[in-house]
């Protein structure tokens, strides 16, 4: 047996968890919110809503978008988003390790 933990960050509303993290990582990789959403099987409108919710709950933008033109648009992550992601992943790792230890103590006792 093992245990899995899913973390969600909440302010007034839920706004950051594994899905938003994956979306932002895909934006960083592809340079496009549309492509990032497509790679996850998300609609573009759902991806935009996730980004909007992040901004409303944190007061900070997650991405900087350049409007499309002949060469197409682009999206990059803000320094705030990069920092938020790094902190989330660090906390997630520590919570998972703590949970594994406690799970072992309780269920194997």
PDB file of N, CA and C in Angstrom:
ATOM      1  N   UNK A   1       0.847  -1.187   0.000  1.00  0.00           N
ATOM      2  CA  UNK A   1       0.000   0.000   0.000  1.00  0.00           C
ATOM      3  C   UNK A   1       0.881   1.235   0.000  1.00  0.00           C
ATOM      4  N   UNK A   2       0.319   2.275  -0.581  1.00  0.00           N
ATOM      5  CA  UNK A   2       0.963   3.574  -0.519  1.00  0.00           C
ATOM      6  C   UNK A   2      -0.110   4.648  -0.509  1.00  0.00           C
ATOM      7  N   UNK A   3       0.307   5.882  -0.317  1.00  0.00           N
ATOM      8  CA  UNK A   3      -0.630   6.992  -0.207  1.00  0.00           C
ATOM      9  C   UNK A   3      -0.288   8.058  -1.236  1.00  0.00           C
ATOM     10  N   UNK A   4      -1.295   8.755  -1.707  1.00  0.00           N
ATOM     11  CA  UNK A   4      -1.099   9.868  -2.636  1.00  0.00           C
ATOM     12  C   UNK A   4      -1.741  11.111  -2.038  1.00  0.00           C
ATOM     13  N   UNK A   5      -1.090  12.234  -2.233  1.00  0.00           N
ATOM     14  CA  UNK A   5      -1.572  13.504  -1.710  1.00  0.00           C
ATOM     15  C   UNK A   5      -1.752  14.466  -2.876  1.00  0.00           C
ATOM     16  N   UNK A   6      -2.870  15.150  -2.911  1.00  0.00           N
ATOM     17  CA  UNK A   6      -3.116  16.178  -3.915  1.00  0.00           C
ATOM     18  C   UNK A   6      -3.279  17.505  -3.188  1.00  0.00           C
ATOM     19  N   UNK A   7      -2.421  18.442  -3.511  1.00  0.00           N
ATOM     20  CA  UNK A   7      -2.481  19.759  -2.868  1.00  0.00           C
ATOM     21  C   UNK A   7      -3.210  20.751  -3.768  1.00  0.00           C
ATOM     22  N   UNK A   8      -4.032  21.573  -3.145  1.00  0.00           N
ATOM     23  CA  UNK A   8      -4.706  22.662  -3.834  1.00  0.00           C
ATOM     24  C   UNK A   8      -4.526  23.916  -2.985  1.00  0.00           C
ATOM     25  N   UNK A   9      -4.099  25.000  -3.632  1.00  0.00           N
ATOM     26  CA  UNK A   9      -3.933  26.270  -2.935  1.00  0.00           C
ATOM     27  C   UNK A   9      -5.236  27.052  -3.079  1.00  0.00           C
ATOM     28  N   UNK A  10      -5.697  27.581  -1.955  1.00  0.00           N
ATOM     29  CA  UNK A  10      -6.976  28.285  -1.903  1.00  0.00           C
ATOM     30  C   UNK A  10      -6.755  29.660  -1.291  1.00  0.00           C
ATOM     31  N   UNK A  11      -7.354  30.671  -1.877  1.00  0.00           N
ATOM     32  CA  UNK A  11      -7.412  31.994  -1.277  1.00  0.00           C
ATOM     33  C   UNK A  11      -8.886  32.205  -0.957  1.00  0.00           C
ATOM     34  N   UNK A  12      -9.603  32.937  -1.758  1.00  0.00           N
ATOM     35  CA  UNK A  12     -11.061  32.997  -1.633  1.00  0.00           C
ATOM     36  C   UNK A  12     -11.663  31.780  -2.327  1.00  0.00           C
ATOM     37  N   UNK A  13     -10.982  31.297  -3.341  1.00  0.00           N
ATOM     38  CA  UNK A  13     -11.434  30.165  -4.142  1.00  0.00           C
ATOM     39  C   UNK A  13     -10.222  29.287  -4.435  1.00  0.00           C
ATOM     40  N   UNK A  14     -10.451  28.060  -4.872  1.00  0.00           N
ATOM     41  CA  UNK A  14      -9.360  27.193  -5.308  1.00  0.00           C
ATOM     42  C   UNK A  14      -8.744  27.818  -6.548  1.00  0.00           C
ATOM     43  N   UNK A  15      -7.405  27.887  -6.598  1.00  0.00           N
ATOM     44  CA  UNK A  15      -6.816  28.511  -7.775  1.00  0.00           C
ATOM     45  C   UNK A  15      -5.524  27.869  -8.258  1.00  0.00           C
ATOM     46  N   UNK A  16      -4.941  26.964  -7.499  1.00  0.00           N
ATOM     47  CA  UNK A  16      -3.685  26.380  -7.961  1.00  0.00           C
ATOM     48  C   UNK A  16      -3.543  24.968  -7.429  1.00  0.00           C
ATOM     49  N   UNK A  17      -3.287  24.063  -8.339  1.00  0.00           N
ATOM     50  CA  UNK A  17      -3.070  22.669  -7.999  1.00  0.00           C
ATOM     51  C   UNK A  17      -2.340  21.995  -9.140  1.00  0.00           C
ATOM     52  N   UNK A  18      -2.396  20.679  -9.191  1.00  0.00           N
ATOM     53  CA  UNK A  18      -1.658  19.953 -10.228  1.00  0.00           C
ATOM     54  C   UNK A  18      -2.021  20.364 -11.659  1.00  0.00           C
ATOM     55  N   UNK A  19      -3.287  20.654 -11.919  1.00  0.00           N
ATOM     56  CA  UNK A  19      -3.697  21.036 -13.270  1.00  0.00           C
ATOM     57  C   UNK A  19      -3.129  22.368 -13.705  1.00  0.00           C
ATOM     58  N   UNK A  20      -3.202  23.352 -12.827  1.00  0.00           N
ATOM     59  CA  UNK A  20      -2.655  24.671 -13.153  1.00  0.00           C
ATOM     60  C   UNK A  20      -1.141  24.597 -13.285  1.00  0.00           C
ATOM     61  N   UNK A  21      -0.508  23.821 -12.426  1.00  0.00           N
ATOM     62  CA  UNK A  21       0.945  23.638 -12.524  1.00  0.00           C
ATOM     63  C   UNK A  21       1.314  23.046 -13.882  1.00  0.00           C
ATOM     64  N   UNK A  22       0.610  22.011 -14.297  1.00  0.00           N
ATOM     65  CA  UNK A  22       0.895  21.385 -15.591  1.00  0.00           C
ATOM     66  C   UNK A  22       0.660  22.366 -16.738  1.00  0.00           C
ATOM     67  N   UNK A  23      -0.426  23.136 -16.659  1.00  0.00           N
ATOM     68  CA  UNK A  23      -0.709  24.124 -17.696  1.00  0.00           C
ATOM     69  C   UNK A  23       0.425  25.138 -17.813  1.00  0.00           C
ATOM     70  N   UNK A  24       0.869  25.671 -16.685  1.00  0.00           N
ATOM     71  CA  UNK A  24       1.944  26.661 -16.719  1.00  0.00           C
ATOM     72  C   UNK A  24       3.258  26.058 -17.219  1.00  0.00           C
ATOM     73  N   UNK A  25       3.541  24.826 -16.834  1.00  0.00           N
ATOM     74  CA  UNK A  25       4.745  24.160 -17.353  1.00  0.00           C
ATOM     75  C   UNK A  25       4.654  24.003 -18.869  1.00  0.00           C
ATOM     76  N   UNK A  26       3.467  23.665 -19.355  1.00  0.00           N
ATOM     77  CA  UNK A  26       3.285  23.527 -20.802  1.00  0.00           C
ATOM     78  C   UNK A  26       3.403  24.868 -21.520  1.00  0.00           C
ATOM     79  N   UNK A  27       2.928  25.937 -20.908  1.00  0.00           N
ATOM     80  CA  UNK A  27       3.093  27.274 -21.489  1.00  0.00           C
ATOM     81  C   UNK A  27       4.579  27.598 -21.584  1.00  0.00           C
ATOM     82  N   UNK A  28       5.323  27.312 -20.530  1.00  0.00           N
ATOM     83  CA  UNK A  28       6.766  27.573 -20.541  1.00  0.00           C
ATOM     84  C   UNK A  28       7.451  26.772 -21.646  1.00  0.00           C
ATOM     85  N   UNK A  29       7.007  25.537 -21.847  1.00  0.00           N
ATOM     86  CA  UNK A  29       7.613  24.649 -22.836  1.00  0.00           C
ATOM     87  C   UNK A  29       7.242  25.047 -24.266  1.00  0.00           C
ATOM     88  N   UNK A  30       5.974  25.390 -24.479  1.00  0.00           N
ATOM     89  CA  UNK A  30       5.496  25.631 -25.841  1.00  0.00           C
ATOM     90  C   UNK A  30       5.482  27.095 -26.249  1.00  0.00           C
ATOM     91  N   UNK A  31       5.448  28.000 -25.264  1.00  0.00           N
ATOM     92  CA  UNK A  31       5.352  29.422 -25.583  1.00  0.00           C
ATOM     93  C   UNK A  31       3.965  29.836 -26.040  1.00  0.00           C
ATOM     94  N   UNK A  32       2.966  28.983 -25.751  1.00  0.00           N
ATOM     95  CA  UNK A  32       1.613  29.258 -26.217  1.00  0.00           C
ATOM     96  C   UNK A  32       0.601  28.678 -25.241  1.00  0.00           C
ATOM     97  N   UNK A  33      -0.368  29.503 -24.837  1.00  0.00           N
ATOM     98  CA  UNK A  33      -1.437  29.008 -23.967  1.00  0.00           C
ATOM     99  C   UNK A  33      -2.327  28.035 -24.744  1.00  0.00           C
ATOM    100  N   UNK A  34      -2.612  28.329 -25.997  1.00  0.00           N
ATOM    101  CA  UNK A  34      -3.447  27.448 -26.817  1.00  0.00           C
ATOM    102  C   UNK A  34      -2.805  26.064 -26.968  1.00  0.00           C
ATOM    103  N   UNK A  35      -1.548  26.032 -27.323  1.00  0.00           N
ATOM    104  CA  UNK A  35      -0.850  24.758 -27.493  1.00  0.00           C
ATOM    105  C   UNK A  35      -0.744  24.015 -26.170  1.00  0.00           C
ATOM    106  N   UNK A  36      -0.469  24.742 -25.098  1.00  0.00           N
ATOM    107  CA  UNK A  36      -0.379  24.127 -23.769  1.00  0.00           C
ATOM    108  C   UNK A  36      -1.707  23.470 -23.404  1.00  0.00           C
ATOM    109  N   UNK A  37      -2.803  24.167 -23.658  1.00  0.00           N
ATOM    110  CA  UNK A  37      -4.132  23.624 -23.359  1.00  0.00           C
ATOM    111  C   UNK A  37      -4.411  22.397 -24.217  1.00  0.00           C
ATOM    112  N   UNK A  38      -4.110  22.489 -25.496  1.00  0.00           N
ATOM    113  CA  UNK A  38      -4.353  21.360 -26.402  1.00  0.00           C
ATOM    114  C   UNK A  38      -3.585  20.123 -25.958  1.00  0.00           C
ATOM    115  N   UNK A  39      -2.342  20.295 -25.523  1.00  0.00           N
ATOM    116  CA  UNK A  39      -1.529  19.163 -25.072  1.00  0.00           C
ATOM    117  C   UNK A  39      -2.138  18.469 -23.856  1.00  0.00           C
ATOM    118  N   UNK A  40      -2.925  19.205 -23.079  1.00  0.00           N
ATOM    119  CA  UNK A  40      -3.565  18.645 -21.888  1.00  0.00           C
ATOM    120  C   UNK A  40      -4.984  18.166 -22.159  1.00  0.00           C
ATOM    121  N   UNK A  41      -5.479  18.416 -23.347  1.00  0.00           N
ATOM    122  CA  UNK A  41      -6.861  18.078 -23.648  1.00  0.00           C
ATOM    123  C   UNK A  41      -7.852  19.045 -23.043  1.00  0.00           C
ATOM    124  N   UNK A  42      -7.389  20.263 -22.763  1.00  0.00           N
ATOM    125  CA  UNK A  42      -8.256  21.312 -22.207  1.00  0.00           C
ATOM    126  C   UNK A  42      -8.743  22.219 -23.323  1.00  0.00           C
ATOM    127  N   UNK A  43      -9.916  22.778 -23.145  1.00  0.00           N
ATOM    128  CA  UNK A  43     -10.359  23.808 -24.080  1.00  0.00           C
ATOM    129  C   UNK A  43      -9.557  25.077 -23.784  1.00  0.00           C
ATOM    130  N   UNK A  44      -9.425  25.901 -24.804  1.00  0.00           N
ATOM    131  CA  UNK A  44      -8.713  27.163 -24.629  1.00  0.00           C
ATOM    132  C   UNK A  44      -9.426  28.036 -23.600  1.00  0.00           C
ATOM    133  N   UNK A  45     -10.766  28.011 -23.622  1.00  0.00           N
ATOM    134  CA  UNK A  45     -11.517  28.833 -22.663  1.00  0.00           C
ATOM    135  C   UNK A  45     -11.280  28.367 -21.229  1.00  0.00           C
ATOM    136  N   UNK A  46     -11.166  27.057 -21.004  1.00  0.00           N
ATOM    137  CA  UNK A  46     -10.867  26.532 -19.658  1.00  0.00           C
ATOM    138  C   UNK A  46      -9.477  26.976 -19.222  1.00  0.00           C
ATOM    139  N   UNK A  47      -8.512  26.908 -20.126  1.00  0.00           N
ATOM    140  CA  UNK A  47      -7.147  27.340 -19.799  1.00  0.00           C
ATOM    141  C   UNK A  47      -7.125  28.822 -19.449  1.00  0.00           C
ATOM    142  N   UNK A  48      -7.827  29.626 -20.228  1.00  0.00           N
ATOM    143  CA  UNK A  48      -7.894  31.069 -19.938  1.00  0.00           C
ATOM    144  C   UNK A  48      -8.538  31.323 -18.579  1.00  0.00           C
ATOM    145  N   UNK A  49      -9.568  30.545 -18.256  1.00  0.00           N
ATOM    146  CA  UNK A  49     -10.232  30.699 -16.958  1.00  0.00           C
ATOM    147  C   UNK A  49      -9.266  30.362 -15.825  1.00  0.00           C
ATOM    148  N   UNK A  50      -8.467  29.314 -15.994  1.00  0.00           N
ATOM    149  CA  UNK A  50      -7.485  28.945 -14.965  1.00  0.00           C
ATOM    150  C   UNK A  50      -6.479  30.080 -14.747  1.00  0.00           C
ATOM    151  N   UNK A  51      -6.021  30.685 -15.840  1.00  0.00           N
ATOM    152  CA  UNK A  51      -5.058  31.789 -15.756  1.00  0.00           C
ATOM    153  C   UNK A  51      -5.714  33.010 -15.116  1.00  0.00           C
ATOM    154  N   UNK A  52      -6.961  33.275 -15.474  1.00  0.00           N
ATOM    155  CA  UNK A  52      -7.688  34.410 -14.892  1.00  0.00           C
ATOM    156  C   UNK A  52      -7.899  34.206 -13.392  1.00  0.00           C
ATOM    157  N   UNK A  53      -8.271  32.992 -12.990  1.00  0.00           N
ATOM    158  CA  UNK A  53      -8.490  32.699 -11.575  1.00  0.00           C
ATOM    159  C   UNK A  53      -7.203  32.884 -10.788  1.00  0.00           C
ATOM    160  N   UNK A  54      -6.075  32.444 -11.353  1.00  0.00           N
ATOM    161  CA  UNK A  54      -4.769  32.662 -10.710  1.00  0.00           C
ATOM    162  C   UNK A  54      -4.565  34.158 -10.456  1.00  0.00           C
ATOM    163  N   UNK A  55      -4.822  34.978 -11.470  1.00  0.00           N
ATOM    164  CA  UNK A  55      -4.629  36.432 -11.331  1.00  0.00           C
ATOM    165  C   UNK A  55      -5.575  37.026 -10.295  1.00  0.00           C
ATOM    166  N   UNK A  56      -6.836  36.608 -10.316  1.00  0.00           N
ATOM    167  CA  UNK A  56      -7.801  37.154  -9.362  1.00  0.00           C
ATOM    168  C   UNK A  56      -7.459  36.773  -7.923  1.00  0.00           C
ATOM    169  N   UNK A  57      -6.983  35.563  -7.713  1.00  0.00           N
ATOM    170  CA  UNK A  57      -6.698  35.082  -6.359  1.00  0.00           C
ATOM    171  C   UNK A  57      -5.354  35.552  -5.815  1.00  0.00           C
ATOM    172  N   UNK A  58      -4.398  35.811  -6.694  1.00  0.00           N
ATOM    173  CA  UNK A  58      -3.076  36.246  -6.227  1.00  0.00           C
ATOM    174  C   UNK A  58      -2.828  37.736  -6.428  1.00  0.00           C
ATOM    175  N   UNK A  59      -3.565  38.349  -7.331  1.00  0.00           N
ATOM    176  CA  UNK A  59      -3.313  39.746  -7.678  1.00  0.00           C
ATOM    177  C   UNK A  59      -2.139  39.896  -8.628  1.00  0.00           C
ATOM    178  N   UNK A  60      -1.657  38.787  -9.160  1.00  0.00           N
ATOM    179  CA  UNK A  60      -0.494  38.794 -10.063  1.00  0.00           C
ATOM    180  C   UNK A  60      -0.820  38.012 -11.332  1.00  0.00           C
ATOM    181  N   UNK A  61      -0.244  38.442 -12.433  1.00  0.00           N
ATOM    182  CA  UNK A  61      -0.394  37.706 -13.680  1.00  0.00           C
ATOM    183  C   UNK A  61       0.499  36.475 -13.673  1.00  0.00           C
ATOM    184  N   UNK A  62       0.028  35.420 -14.327  1.00  0.00           N
ATOM    185  CA  UNK A  62       0.818  34.203 -14.479  1.00  0.00           C
ATOM    186  C   UNK A  62       1.576  34.194 -15.795  1.00  0.00           C
ATOM    187  N   UNK A  63       0.974  34.777 -16.820  1.00  0.00           N
ATOM    188  CA  UNK A  63       1.627  34.796 -18.120  1.00  0.00           C
ATOM    189  C   UNK A  63       1.601  36.190 -18.719  1.00  0.00           C
ATOM    190  N   UNK A  64       2.561  36.424 -19.614  1.00  0.00           N
ATOM    191  CA  UNK A  64       2.609  37.641 -20.422  1.00  0.00           C
ATOM    192  C   UNK A  64       2.377  37.178 -21.850  1.00  0.00           C
ATOM    193  N   UNK A  65       1.331  37.710 -22.474  1.00  0.00           N
ATOM    194  CA  UNK A  65       0.983  37.290 -23.827  1.00  0.00           C
ATOM    195  C   UNK A  65       1.332  38.371 -24.827  1.00  0.00           C
ATOM    196  N   UNK A  66       1.807  37.941 -25.982  1.00  0.00           N
ATOM    197  CA  UNK A  66       2.018  38.812 -27.123  1.00  0.00           C
ATOM    198  C   UNK A  66       0.934  38.449 -28.123  1.00  0.00           C
ATOM    199  N   UNK A  67       0.212  39.441 -28.615  1.00  0.00           N
ATOM    200  CA  UNK A  67      -0.842  39.175 -29.587  1.00  0.00           C
ATOM    201  C   UNK A  67      -0.250  38.579 -30.859  1.00  0.00           C
ATOM    202  N   UNK A  68      -1.036  37.746 -31.493  1.00  0.00           N
ATOM    203  CA  UNK A  68      -0.591  37.101 -32.728  1.00  0.00           C
ATOM    204  C   UNK A  68      -0.503  38.087 -33.875  1.00  0.00           C
ATOM    205  N   UNK A  69       0.177  37.701 -34.848  1.00  0.00           N
ATOM    206  CA  UNK A  69       0.330  38.479 -36.075  1.00  0.00           C
ATOM    207  C   UNK A  69       0.718  37.499 -37.157  1.00  0.00           C
ATOM    208  N   UNK A  70       1.515  37.948 -38.090  1.00  0.00           N
ATOM    209  CA  UNK A  70       1.941  37.062 -39.176  1.00  0.00           C
ATOM    210  C   UNK A  70       2.693  35.847 -38.632  1.00  0.00           C
ATOM    211  N   UNK A  71       3.508  36.063 -37.602  1.00  0.00           N
ATOM    212  CA  UNK A  71       4.287  34.971 -37.019  1.00  0.00           C
ATOM    213  C   UNK A  71       3.592  34.277 -35.867  1.00  0.00           C
ATOM    214  N   UNK A  72       2.389  34.720 -35.500  1.00  0.00           N
ATOM    215  CA  UNK A  72       1.674  34.125 -34.377  1.00  0.00           C
ATOM    216  C   UNK A  72       2.015  34.808 -33.072  1.00  0.00           C
ATOM    217  N   UNK A  73       1.254  34.529 -32.046  1.00  0.00           N
ATOM    218  CA  UNK A  73       1.466  35.128 -30.734  1.00  0.00           C
ATOM    219  C   UNK A  73       2.389  34.270 -29.889  1.00  0.00           C
ATOM    220  N   UNK A  74       2.613  34.734 -28.669  1.00  0.00           N
ATOM    221  CA  UNK A  74       3.447  33.959 -27.748  1.00  0.00           C
ATOM    222  C   UNK A  74       3.011  34.244 -26.319  1.00  0.00           C
ATOM    223  N   UNK A  75       3.408  33.350 -25.437  1.00  0.00           N
ATOM    224  CA  UNK A  75       3.112  33.506 -24.018  1.00  0.00           C
ATOM    225  C   UNK A  75       4.330  33.062 -23.227  1.00  0.00           C
ATOM    226  N   UNK A  76       4.683  33.836 -22.222  1.00  0.00           N
ATOM    227  CA  UNK A  76       5.776  33.476 -21.325  1.00  0.00           C
ATOM    228  C   UNK A  76       5.290  33.614 -19.890  1.00  0.00           C
ATOM    229  N   UNK A  77       5.925  32.890 -18.999  1.00  0.00           N
ATOM    230  CA  UNK A  77       5.546  32.963 -17.586  1.00  0.00           C
ATOM    231  C   UNK A  77       6.169  34.186 -16.936  1.00  0.00           C
ATOM    232  N   UNK A  78       5.436  34.775 -16.006  1.00  0.00           N
ATOM    233  CA  UNK A  78       5.954  35.904 -15.245  1.00  0.00           C
ATOM    234  C   UNK A  78       6.912  35.390 -14.169  1.00  0.00           C
ATOM    235  N   UNK A  79       7.804  36.235 -13.693  1.00  0.00           N
ATOM    236  CA  UNK A  79       8.662  35.828 -12.579  1.00  0.00           C
ATOM    237  C   UNK A  79       7.843  35.375 -11.366  1.00  0.00           C
ATOM    238  N   UNK A  80       6.714  36.039 -11.127  1.00  0.00           N
ATOM    239  CA  UNK A  80       5.855  35.648 -10.002  1.00  0.00           C
ATOM    240  C   UNK A  80       5.367  34.210 -10.171  1.00  0.00           C
ATOM    241  N   UNK A  81       4.890  33.873 -11.367  1.00  0.00           N
ATOM    242  CA  UNK A  81       4.396  32.519 -11.628  1.00  0.00           C
ATOM    243  C   UNK A  81       5.508  31.494 -11.467  1.00  0.00           C
ATOM    244  N   UNK A  82       6.681  31.797 -11.977  1.00  0.00           N
ATOM    245  CA  UNK A  82       7.816  30.872 -11.845  1.00  0.00           C
ATOM    246  C   UNK A  82       8.147  30.626 -10.377  1.00  0.00           C
ATOM    247  N   UNK A  83       8.161  31.684  -9.591  1.00  0.00           N
ATOM    248  CA  UNK A  83       8.446  31.565  -8.166  1.00  0.00           C
ATOM    249  C   UNK A  83       7.339  30.779  -7.459  1.00  0.00           C
ATOM    250  N   UNK A  84       6.097  31.070  -7.797  1.00  0.00           N
ATOM    251  CA  UNK A  84       4.962  30.373  -7.187  1.00  0.00           C
ATOM    252  C   UNK A  84       5.030  28.881  -7.470  1.00  0.00           C
ATOM    253  N   UNK A  85       5.342  28.532  -8.709  1.00  0.00           N
ATOM    254  CA  UNK A  85       5.456  27.131  -9.104  1.00  0.00           C
ATOM    255  C   UNK A  85       6.575  26.431  -8.334  1.00  0.00           C
ATOM    256  N   UNK A  86       7.704  27.085  -8.221  1.00  0.00           N
ATOM    257  CA  UNK A  86       8.849  26.499  -7.511  1.00  0.00           C
ATOM    258  C   UNK A  86       8.488  26.243  -6.044  1.00  0.00           C
ATOM    259  N   UNK A  87       7.830  27.201  -5.410  1.00  0.00           N
ATOM    260  CA  UNK A  87       7.428  27.038  -4.012  1.00  0.00           C
ATOM    261  C   UNK A  87       6.396  25.929  -3.858  1.00  0.00           C
ATOM    262  N   UNK A  88       5.447  25.855  -4.778  1.00  0.00           N
ATOM    263  CA  UNK A  88       4.427  24.815  -4.741  1.00  0.00           C
ATOM    264  C   UNK A  88       5.085  23.434  -4.850  1.00  0.00           C
ATOM    265  N   UNK A  89       5.987  23.286  -5.807  1.00  0.00           N
ATOM    266  CA  UNK A  89       6.650  21.994  -5.991  1.00  0.00           C
ATOM    267  C   UNK A  89       7.513  21.620  -4.791  1.00  0.00           C
ATOM    268  N   UNK A  90       8.171  22.604  -4.195  1.00  0.00           N
ATOM    269  CA  UNK A  90       8.983  22.338  -2.991  1.00  0.00           C
ATOM    270  C   UNK A  90       8.084  21.893  -1.839  1.00  0.00           C
ATOM    271  N   UNK A  91       6.981  22.583  -1.632  1.00  0.00           N
ATOM    272  CA  UNK A  91       6.047  22.211  -0.578  1.00  0.00           C
ATOM    273  C   UNK A  91       5.429  20.846  -0.851  1.00  0.00           C
ATOM    274  N   UNK A  92       5.062  20.595  -2.102  1.00  0.00           N
ATOM    275  CA  UNK A  92       4.476  19.318  -2.476  1.00  0.00           C
ATOM    276  C   UNK A  92       5.433  18.166  -2.148  1.00  0.00           C
ATOM    277  N   UNK A  93       6.690  18.342  -2.454  1.00  0.00           N
ATOM    278  CA  UNK A  93       7.690  17.299  -2.174  1.00  0.00           C
ATOM    279  C   UNK A  93       7.808  17.053  -0.671  1.00  0.00           C
ATOM    280  N   UNK A  94       7.842  18.117   0.117  1.00  0.00           N
ATOM    281  CA  UNK A  94       7.959  17.968   1.567  1.00  0.00           C
ATOM    282  C   UNK A  94       6.705  17.337   2.176  1.00  0.00           C
ATOM    283  N   UNK A  95       5.534  17.729   1.688  1.00  0.00           N
ATOM    284  CA  UNK A  95       4.282  17.153   2.184  1.00  0.00           C
ATOM    285  C   UNK A  95       4.212  15.667   1.836  1.00  0.00           C
ATOM    286  N   UNK A  96       4.606  15.319   0.624  1.00  0.00           N
ATOM    287  CA  UNK A  96       4.594  13.910   0.216  1.00  0.00           C
ATOM    288  C   UNK A  96       5.538  13.072   1.081  1.00  0.00           C
ATOM    289  N   UNK A  97       6.720  13.592   1.350  1.00  0.00           N
ATOM    290  CA  UNK A  97       7.686  12.858   2.177  1.00  0.00           C
ATOM    291  C   UNK A  97       7.143  12.679   3.600  1.00  0.00           C
ATOM    292  N   UNK A  98       6.610  13.739   4.180  1.00  0.00           N
ATOM    293  CA  UNK A  98       6.032  13.659   5.522  1.00  0.00           C
ATOM    294  C   UNK A  98       4.886  12.648   5.556  1.00  0.00           C
ATOM    295  N   UNK A  99       4.023  12.718   4.531  1.00  0.00           N
ATOM    296  CA  UNK A  99       2.868  11.825   4.469  1.00  0.00           C
ATOM    297  C   UNK A  99       3.301  10.369   4.339  1.00  0.00           C
ATOM    298  N   UNK A 100       4.310  10.107   3.512  1.00  0.00           N
ATOM    299  CA  UNK A 100       4.826   8.734   3.379  1.00  0.00           C
ATOM    300  C   UNK A 100       5.347   8.213   4.713  1.00  0.00           C
ATOM    301  N   UNK A 101       6.090   9.057   5.422  1.00  0.00           N
ATOM    302  CA  UNK A 101       6.623   8.647   6.724  1.00  0.00           C
ATOM    303  C   UNK A 101       5.497   8.342   7.704  1.00  0.00           C
ATOM    304  N   UNK A 102       4.540   9.232   7.798  1.00  0.00           N
ATOM    305  CA  UNK A 102       3.420   9.042   8.722  1.00  0.00           C
ATOM    306  C   UNK A 102       2.576   7.835   8.318  1.00  0.00           C
ATOM    307  N   UNK A 103       2.346   7.656   7.033  1.00  0.00           N
ATOM    308  CA  UNK A 103       1.602   6.512   6.536  1.00  0.00           C
ATOM    309  C   UNK A 103       2.287   5.213   6.989  1.00  0.00           C
ATOM    310  N   UNK A 104       3.603   5.177   6.818  1.00  0.00           N
ATOM    311  CA  UNK A 104       4.367   4.002   7.237  1.00  0.00           C
ATOM    312  C   UNK A 104       4.264   3.760   8.734  1.00  0.00           C
ATOM    313  N   UNK A 105       4.374   4.826   9.510  1.00  0.00           N
ATOM    314  CA  UNK A 105       4.277   4.682  10.965  1.00  0.00           C
ATOM    315  C   UNK A 105       2.906   4.162  11.391  1.00  0.00           C
ATOM    316  N   UNK A 106       1.866   4.662  10.781  1.00  0.00           N
ATOM    317  CA  UNK A 106       0.507   4.329  11.222  1.00  0.00           C
ATOM    318  C   UNK A 106       0.049   2.978  10.679  1.00  0.00           C
ATOM    319  N   UNK A 107       0.290   2.712   9.421  1.00  0.00           N
ATOM    320  CA  UNK A 107      -0.225   1.480   8.824  1.00  0.00           C
ATOM    321  C   UNK A 107       0.681   0.272   9.018  1.00  0.00           C
ATOM    322  N   UNK A 108       1.939   0.519   9.284  1.00  0.00           N
ATOM    323  CA  UNK A 108       2.838  -0.612   9.479  1.00  0.00           C
ATOM    324  C   UNK A 108       3.083  -0.890  10.948  1.00  0.00           C
ATOM    325  N   UNK A 109       2.421  -0.142  11.813  1.00  0.00           N
ATOM    326  CA  UNK A 109       2.580  -0.312  13.250  1.00  0.00           C
ATOM    327  C   UNK A 109       1.764  -1.487  13.758  1.00  0.00           C
TER     328      UNK A 109
END
